[in-house]
Amino acid sequence: MREKVKFIRVTSNQDSTGQLLNSEKVFYEPKGVDVKEVTPSVDVIAQQQNLTMMIEIKMRYNPTIAIINGDKIEWRGFRFNALSPKVDPLRRWITIKAFSEIESTNRSGSGNEPIELLNTLQAVLQFTI
């Protein structure tokens, strides 16, 4: 258990004008987890249209932290969506499968460039309209 991950939850709030704002908050950073890249099975591929990279996280179970489907996971600079958290029968371990939000061949730990570019393009388009 040597890998570091962050669990991020997205919440929607309204500003003073009534527009929805999504805010992200890191709600859990376990001390260490095991992470391995796995090949998705046929049933998982059938559920997700463009599934490209999938990981499996194994960590100690913490009953005070609830991890739900759709939580974001950050690992080595890449963002993943939690797919199926599963607790073992003895409640010692939790296994979470997660799939990538945006796939890139860059493995240097800085996988957020496409997200930053997309945010910049959206801001420019909103400003010009």
N, C-alpha and C. Protein backbone atom coordinates (compact mmCIF):
# COMPACT_ATOMS: atom_id res chain seq x y z
N MET A 1 0.84 -1.18 0.00
CA MET A 1 0.00 0.00 0.00
C MET A 1 0.88 1.24 0.00
N ARG A 2 1.34 1.56 -1.19
CA ARG A 2 2.28 2.67 -1.29
C ARG A 2 1.77 3.82 -2.13
N GLU A 3 0.65 3.67 -2.76
CA GLU A 3 0.13 4.72 -3.63
C GLU A 3 -0.68 5.74 -2.83
N LYS A 4 -0.70 6.96 -3.33
CA LYS A 4 -1.50 8.03 -2.73
C LYS A 4 -2.62 8.40 -3.68
N VAL A 5 -3.83 8.51 -3.15
CA VAL A 5 -4.98 8.95 -3.93
C VAL A 5 -5.75 9.99 -3.12
N LYS A 6 -6.55 10.76 -3.84
CA LYS A 6 -7.45 11.73 -3.22
C LYS A 6 -8.86 11.43 -3.69
N PHE A 7 -9.80 11.45 -2.78
CA PHE A 7 -11.21 11.29 -3.12
C PHE A 7 -11.85 12.67 -3.10
N ILE A 8 -12.51 13.02 -4.21
CA ILE A 8 -13.07 14.35 -4.40
C ILE A 8 -14.57 14.21 -4.64
N ARG A 9 -15.34 15.04 -3.95
CA ARG A 9 -16.79 15.04 -4.15
C ARG A 9 -17.20 16.38 -4.77
N VAL A 10 -18.05 16.30 -5.79
CA VAL A 10 -18.55 17.49 -6.47
C VAL A 10 -19.94 17.80 -5.93
N THR A 11 -20.14 19.05 -5.50
CA THR A 11 -21.44 19.48 -5.02
C THR A 11 -21.91 20.66 -5.85
N SER A 12 -23.21 20.77 -6.03
CA SER A 12 -23.80 21.87 -6.79
C SER A 12 -24.44 22.86 -5.83
N ASN A 13 -24.13 24.13 -6.02
CA ASN A 13 -24.70 25.22 -5.23
C ASN A 13 -25.17 26.31 -6.17
N GLN A 14 -26.05 27.17 -5.67
CA GLN A 14 -26.51 28.30 -6.46
C GLN A 14 -25.82 29.56 -5.97
N ASP A 15 -25.43 30.41 -6.93
CA ASP A 15 -24.87 31.70 -6.54
C ASP A 15 -26.01 32.70 -6.36
N SER A 16 -25.68 33.96 -6.15
CA SER A 16 -26.70 34.98 -5.86
C SER A 16 -27.62 35.25 -7.05
N THR A 17 -27.15 34.92 -8.26
CA THR A 17 -27.99 35.14 -9.45
C THR A 17 -28.83 33.91 -9.80
N GLY A 18 -28.63 32.82 -9.09
CA GLY A 18 -29.42 31.61 -9.33
C GLY A 18 -28.77 30.60 -10.24
N GLN A 19 -27.55 30.88 -10.70
CA GLN A 19 -26.85 29.93 -11.56
C GLN A 19 -26.22 28.83 -10.71
N LEU A 20 -26.19 27.63 -11.27
CA LEU A 20 -25.58 26.50 -10.56
C LEU A 20 -24.07 26.57 -10.67
N LEU A 21 -23.42 26.38 -9.56
CA LEU A 21 -21.96 26.33 -9.52
C LEU A 21 -21.55 24.98 -8.95
N ASN A 22 -20.67 24.28 -9.65
CA ASN A 22 -20.14 23.02 -9.15
C ASN A 22 -18.85 23.30 -8.41
N SER A 23 -18.76 22.80 -7.20
CA SER A 23 -17.53 22.97 -6.43
C SER A 23 -17.00 21.60 -6.04
N GLU A 24 -15.70 21.47 -6.08
CA GLU A 24 -15.04 20.22 -5.74
C GLU A 24 -14.35 20.36 -4.39
N LYS A 25 -14.41 19.29 -3.61
CA LYS A 25 -13.77 19.30 -2.30
C LYS A 25 -13.15 17.94 -2.05
N VAL A 26 -11.88 17.94 -1.66
CA VAL A 26 -11.22 16.70 -1.28
C VAL A 26 -11.77 16.29 0.08
N PHE A 27 -12.43 15.13 0.14
CA PHE A 27 -13.03 14.73 1.40
C PHE A 27 -12.30 13.57 2.08
N TYR A 28 -11.35 12.94 1.37
CA TYR A 28 -10.65 11.82 2.00
C TYR A 28 -9.33 11.59 1.29
N GLU A 29 -8.27 11.46 2.06
CA GLU A 29 -6.95 11.11 1.55
C GLU A 29 -6.39 9.98 2.43
N PRO A 30 -6.61 8.74 2.03
CA PRO A 30 -6.09 7.64 2.84
C PRO A 30 -4.56 7.64 2.86
N LYS A 31 -4.00 7.04 3.90
CA LYS A 31 -2.54 7.02 4.06
C LYS A 31 -1.84 6.24 2.97
N GLY A 32 -2.44 5.18 2.49
CA GLY A 32 -1.85 4.38 1.42
C GLY A 32 -2.86 3.41 0.85
N VAL A 33 -2.77 3.18 -0.44
CA VAL A 33 -3.68 2.26 -1.12
C VAL A 33 -2.88 1.44 -2.13
N ASP A 34 -3.46 0.35 -2.56
CA ASP A 34 -2.93 -0.42 -3.69
C ASP A 34 -3.74 -0.04 -4.92
N VAL A 35 -3.06 0.30 -5.99
CA VAL A 35 -3.73 0.66 -7.24
C VAL A 35 -3.14 -0.20 -8.35
N LYS A 36 -4.02 -0.78 -9.16
CA LYS A 36 -3.54 -1.50 -10.34
C LYS A 36 -4.45 -1.19 -11.51
N GLU A 37 -3.84 -1.07 -12.67
CA GLU A 37 -4.60 -0.87 -13.90
C GLU A 37 -5.13 -2.22 -14.35
N VAL A 38 -6.40 -2.26 -14.69
CA VAL A 38 -7.03 -3.52 -15.08
C VAL A 38 -7.68 -3.36 -16.45
N THR A 39 -7.87 -4.47 -17.10
CA THR A 39 -8.60 -4.50 -18.36
C THR A 39 -10.08 -4.65 -18.03
N PRO A 40 -10.93 -3.75 -18.53
CA PRO A 40 -12.35 -3.83 -18.19
C PRO A 40 -13.01 -5.07 -18.78
N SER A 41 -13.98 -5.62 -18.04
CA SER A 41 -14.71 -6.78 -18.52
C SER A 41 -15.79 -6.34 -19.51
N VAL A 42 -16.40 -7.29 -20.19
CA VAL A 42 -17.39 -7.00 -21.22
C VAL A 42 -18.60 -6.29 -20.64
N ASP A 43 -19.06 -6.67 -19.44
CA ASP A 43 -20.25 -6.03 -18.86
C ASP A 43 -19.98 -4.58 -18.49
N VAL A 44 -18.77 -4.27 -18.05
CA VAL A 44 -18.43 -2.88 -17.72
C VAL A 44 -18.34 -2.05 -19.00
N ILE A 45 -17.76 -2.62 -20.05
CA ILE A 45 -17.67 -1.91 -21.32
C ILE A 45 -19.06 -1.62 -21.87
N ALA A 46 -20.01 -2.55 -21.69
CA ALA A 46 -21.37 -2.35 -22.17
C ALA A 46 -22.05 -1.20 -21.44
N GLN A 47 -21.71 -0.95 -20.20
CA GLN A 47 -22.32 0.13 -19.42
C GLN A 47 -21.74 1.48 -19.79
N GLN A 48 -20.49 1.54 -20.14
CA GLN A 48 -19.81 2.80 -20.43
C GLN A 48 -19.47 2.85 -21.91
N GLN A 49 -19.84 3.93 -22.56
CA GLN A 49 -19.69 4.02 -24.01
C GLN A 49 -18.23 4.14 -24.45
N ASN A 50 -17.45 4.97 -23.78
CA ASN A 50 -16.08 5.22 -24.22
C ASN A 50 -15.07 4.94 -23.11
N LEU A 51 -15.15 3.79 -22.53
CA LEU A 51 -14.27 3.41 -21.43
C LEU A 51 -12.90 3.05 -21.99
N THR A 52 -11.85 3.72 -21.51
CA THR A 52 -10.53 3.48 -22.06
C THR A 52 -9.55 2.97 -21.01
N MET A 53 -9.55 3.52 -19.82
CA MET A 53 -8.61 3.10 -18.79
C MET A 53 -9.37 2.85 -17.50
N MET A 54 -9.06 1.75 -16.86
CA MET A 54 -9.76 1.40 -15.63
C MET A 54 -8.73 1.00 -14.59
N ILE A 55 -8.97 1.41 -13.33
CA ILE A 55 -8.09 1.03 -12.23
C ILE A 55 -8.92 0.37 -11.14
N GLU A 56 -8.22 -0.39 -10.31
CA GLU A 56 -8.85 -1.00 -9.14
C GLU A 56 -8.04 -0.57 -7.91
N ILE A 57 -8.73 -0.01 -6.95
CA ILE A 57 -8.10 0.49 -5.73
C ILE A 57 -8.51 -0.41 -4.58
N LYS A 58 -7.53 -0.82 -3.78
CA LYS A 58 -7.81 -1.60 -2.58
C LYS A 58 -7.22 -0.83 -1.40
N MET A 59 -8.07 -0.59 -0.38
CA MET A 59 -7.61 0.16 0.78
C MET A 59 -8.34 -0.33 2.03
N ARG A 60 -7.82 0.08 3.18
CA ARG A 60 -8.45 -0.27 4.45
C ARG A 60 -9.83 0.36 4.52
N TYR A 61 -10.78 -0.38 5.05
CA TYR A 61 -12.15 0.11 5.19
C TYR A 61 -12.23 1.09 6.36
N ASN A 62 -12.84 2.24 6.11
CA ASN A 62 -13.07 3.24 7.14
C ASN A 62 -14.58 3.47 7.22
N PRO A 63 -15.24 3.00 8.28
CA PRO A 63 -16.70 3.12 8.33
C PRO A 63 -17.21 4.56 8.43
N THR A 64 -16.36 5.50 8.80
CA THR A 64 -16.81 6.89 8.93
C THR A 64 -16.81 7.63 7.60
N ILE A 65 -16.20 7.06 6.56
CA ILE A 65 -16.13 7.69 5.24
C ILE A 65 -16.99 6.91 4.26
N ALA A 66 -17.96 7.58 3.67
CA ALA A 66 -18.82 6.94 2.67
C ALA A 66 -18.35 7.34 1.27
N ILE A 67 -17.96 6.36 0.50
CA ILE A 67 -17.56 6.59 -0.89
C ILE A 67 -18.72 6.12 -1.77
N ILE A 68 -19.16 6.99 -2.66
CA ILE A 68 -20.33 6.67 -3.48
C ILE A 68 -19.96 6.67 -4.96
N ASN A 69 -20.82 6.06 -5.77
CA ASN A 69 -20.62 6.09 -7.22
C ASN A 69 -20.61 7.54 -7.69
N GLY A 70 -19.67 7.85 -8.57
CA GLY A 70 -19.59 9.20 -9.11
C GLY A 70 -18.58 10.09 -8.40
N ASP A 71 -18.05 9.67 -7.25
CA ASP A 71 -16.99 10.44 -6.62
C ASP A 71 -15.78 10.44 -7.53
N LYS A 72 -15.01 11.50 -7.49
CA LYS A 72 -13.81 11.61 -8.30
C LYS A 72 -12.61 11.10 -7.51
N ILE A 73 -11.69 10.46 -8.20
CA ILE A 73 -10.48 9.95 -7.59
C ILE A 73 -9.31 10.52 -8.38
N GLU A 74 -8.35 11.07 -7.68
CA GLU A 74 -7.15 11.59 -8.34
C GLU A 74 -5.98 10.70 -7.95
N TRP A 75 -5.30 10.17 -8.97
CA TRP A 75 -4.16 9.28 -8.79
C TRP A 75 -3.10 9.64 -9.82
N ARG A 76 -1.92 10.01 -9.35
CA ARG A 76 -0.80 10.38 -10.22
C ARG A 76 -1.17 11.46 -11.24
N GLY A 77 -2.01 12.40 -10.84
CA GLY A 77 -2.40 13.48 -11.72
C GLY A 77 -3.55 13.17 -12.66
N PHE A 78 -4.05 11.95 -12.65
CA PHE A 78 -5.17 11.55 -13.50
C PHE A 78 -6.45 11.55 -12.69
N ARG A 79 -7.57 11.85 -13.34
CA ARG A 79 -8.87 11.87 -12.68
C ARG A 79 -9.67 10.66 -13.11
N PHE A 80 -10.32 10.03 -12.14
CA PHE A 80 -11.14 8.85 -12.38
C PHE A 80 -12.50 9.05 -11.71
N ASN A 81 -13.50 8.35 -12.22
CA ASN A 81 -14.83 8.33 -11.61
C ASN A 81 -15.01 6.99 -10.92
N ALA A 82 -15.42 7.02 -9.66
CA ALA A 82 -15.65 5.79 -8.91
C ALA A 82 -16.85 5.08 -9.50
N LEU A 83 -16.70 3.77 -9.71
CA LEU A 83 -17.75 3.01 -10.39
C LEU A 83 -18.47 2.07 -9.44
N SER A 84 -17.75 1.28 -8.68
CA SER A 84 -18.43 0.30 -7.84
C SER A 84 -17.63 0.02 -6.57
N PRO A 85 -17.87 0.80 -5.50
CA PRO A 85 -17.20 0.48 -4.23
C PRO A 85 -17.80 -0.79 -3.62
N LYS A 86 -16.93 -1.65 -3.14
CA LYS A 86 -17.38 -2.93 -2.57
C LYS A 86 -16.58 -3.22 -1.31
N VAL A 87 -17.28 -3.48 -0.21
CA VAL A 87 -16.65 -3.79 1.07
C VAL A 87 -16.64 -5.30 1.23
N ASP A 88 -15.52 -5.85 1.71
CA ASP A 88 -15.44 -7.30 1.92
C ASP A 88 -16.34 -7.70 3.10
N PRO A 89 -16.71 -8.98 3.20
CA PRO A 89 -17.64 -9.41 4.25
C PRO A 89 -17.14 -9.16 5.68
N LEU A 90 -15.85 -9.16 5.90
CA LEU A 90 -15.33 -8.93 7.24
C LEU A 90 -15.11 -7.45 7.54
N ARG A 91 -15.41 -6.61 6.57
CA ARG A 91 -15.28 -5.15 6.70
C ARG A 91 -13.86 -4.71 7.05
N ARG A 92 -12.90 -5.31 6.37
CA ARG A 92 -11.50 -4.91 6.55
C ARG A 92 -10.99 -4.11 5.37
N TRP A 93 -11.47 -4.44 4.18
CA TRP A 93 -10.98 -3.83 2.95
C TRP A 93 -12.14 -3.30 2.12
N ILE A 94 -11.86 -2.30 1.34
CA ILE A 94 -12.82 -1.82 0.36
C ILE A 94 -12.11 -1.81 -1.00
N THR A 95 -12.79 -2.30 -2.00
CA THR A 95 -12.26 -2.34 -3.36
C THR A 95 -13.13 -1.44 -4.22
N ILE A 96 -12.48 -0.56 -4.95
CA ILE A 96 -13.20 0.40 -5.79
C ILE A 96 -12.67 0.30 -7.21
N LYS A 97 -13.57 0.13 -8.15
CA LYS A 97 -13.18 0.20 -9.56
C LYS A 97 -13.51 1.61 -10.03
N ALA A 98 -12.64 2.15 -10.86
CA ALA A 98 -12.83 3.51 -11.36
C ALA A 98 -12.36 3.59 -12.79
N PHE A 99 -13.02 4.43 -13.58
CA PHE A 99 -12.63 4.60 -14.97
C PHE A 99 -12.21 6.04 -15.20
N SER A 100 -11.37 6.24 -16.20
CA SER A 100 -10.78 7.55 -16.45
C SER A 100 -11.81 8.52 -17.02
N GLU A 101 -11.66 9.79 -16.65
CA GLU A 101 -12.51 10.84 -17.23
C GLU A 101 -12.03 11.18 -18.63
N ILE A 102 -10.75 11.47 -18.76
CA ILE A 102 -10.14 11.80 -20.05
C ILE A 102 -8.87 10.99 -20.17
N GLU A 103 -8.73 10.30 -21.27
CA GLU A 103 -7.55 9.44 -21.45
C GLU A 103 -6.45 10.18 -22.19
N SER A 104 -5.24 9.94 -21.75
CA SER A 104 -4.06 10.51 -22.39
C SER A 104 -2.95 9.48 -22.32
N THR A 105 -2.01 9.56 -23.25
CA THR A 105 -0.88 8.63 -23.21
C THR A 105 0.23 9.13 -22.31
N ASN A 106 0.08 10.33 -21.76
CA ASN A 106 1.10 10.91 -20.90
C ASN A 106 1.08 10.22 -19.55
N ARG A 107 2.20 9.63 -19.14
CA ARG A 107 2.28 8.93 -17.86
C ARG A 107 3.26 9.62 -16.90
N SER A 108 3.50 10.91 -17.13
CA SER A 108 4.45 11.62 -16.27
C SER A 108 3.78 12.17 -15.02
N GLY A 109 2.48 11.95 -14.85
CA GLY A 109 1.80 12.42 -13.66
C GLY A 109 1.13 13.76 -13.83
N SER A 110 1.10 14.29 -15.03
CA SER A 110 0.42 15.56 -15.27
C SER A 110 -0.63 15.36 -16.34
N GLY A 111 -1.71 14.72 -15.98
CA GLY A 111 -2.74 14.39 -16.96
C GLY A 111 -3.86 15.39 -17.06
N ASN A 112 -3.78 16.56 -16.39
CA ASN A 112 -4.88 17.50 -16.37
C ASN A 112 -4.83 18.56 -17.47
N GLU A 113 -3.87 18.51 -18.39
CA GLU A 113 -3.78 19.51 -19.44
C GLU A 113 -5.04 19.59 -20.28
N PRO A 114 -5.66 18.47 -20.70
CA PRO A 114 -6.88 18.58 -21.51
C PRO A 114 -8.01 19.27 -20.74
N ILE A 115 -8.11 19.05 -19.44
CA ILE A 115 -9.16 19.68 -18.65
C ILE A 115 -8.92 21.18 -18.57
N GLU A 116 -7.67 21.58 -18.34
CA GLU A 116 -7.36 23.00 -18.28
C GLU A 116 -7.61 23.68 -19.62
N LEU A 117 -7.27 23.01 -20.73
CA LEU A 117 -7.51 23.57 -22.06
C LEU A 117 -9.01 23.71 -22.30
N LEU A 118 -9.79 22.71 -21.92
CA LEU A 118 -11.23 22.77 -22.10
C LEU A 118 -11.83 23.91 -21.30
N ASN A 119 -11.39 24.09 -20.05
CA ASN A 119 -11.89 25.19 -19.22
C ASN A 119 -11.54 26.54 -19.83
N THR A 120 -10.33 26.67 -20.36
CA THR A 120 -9.92 27.93 -21.00
C THR A 120 -10.77 28.22 -22.23
N LEU A 121 -11.01 27.19 -23.03
CA LEU A 121 -11.84 27.37 -24.23
C LEU A 121 -13.27 27.76 -23.87
N GLN A 122 -13.82 27.15 -22.83
CA GLN A 122 -15.18 27.49 -22.41
C GLN A 122 -15.24 28.94 -21.93
N ALA A 123 -14.23 29.38 -21.18
CA ALA A 123 -14.21 30.75 -20.68
C ALA A 123 -14.10 31.74 -21.83
N VAL A 124 -13.29 31.43 -22.84
CA VAL A 124 -13.13 32.33 -23.99
C VAL A 124 -14.45 32.39 -24.77
N LEU A 125 -15.10 31.25 -24.97
CA LEU A 125 -16.34 31.23 -25.71
C LEU A 125 -17.44 31.99 -24.99
N GLN A 126 -17.51 31.87 -23.66
CA GLN A 126 -18.51 32.60 -22.90
C GLN A 126 -18.26 34.10 -22.98
N PHE A 127 -17.00 34.49 -22.95
CA PHE A 127 -16.66 35.90 -22.98
C PHE A 127 -17.01 36.53 -24.34
N THR A 128 -16.85 35.77 -25.42
CA THR A 128 -17.10 36.31 -26.75
C THR A 128 -18.59 36.34 -27.10
N ILE A 129 -19.39 35.58 -26.40
CA ILE A 129 -20.84 35.53 -26.72
C ILE A 129 -21.55 36.65 -26.08
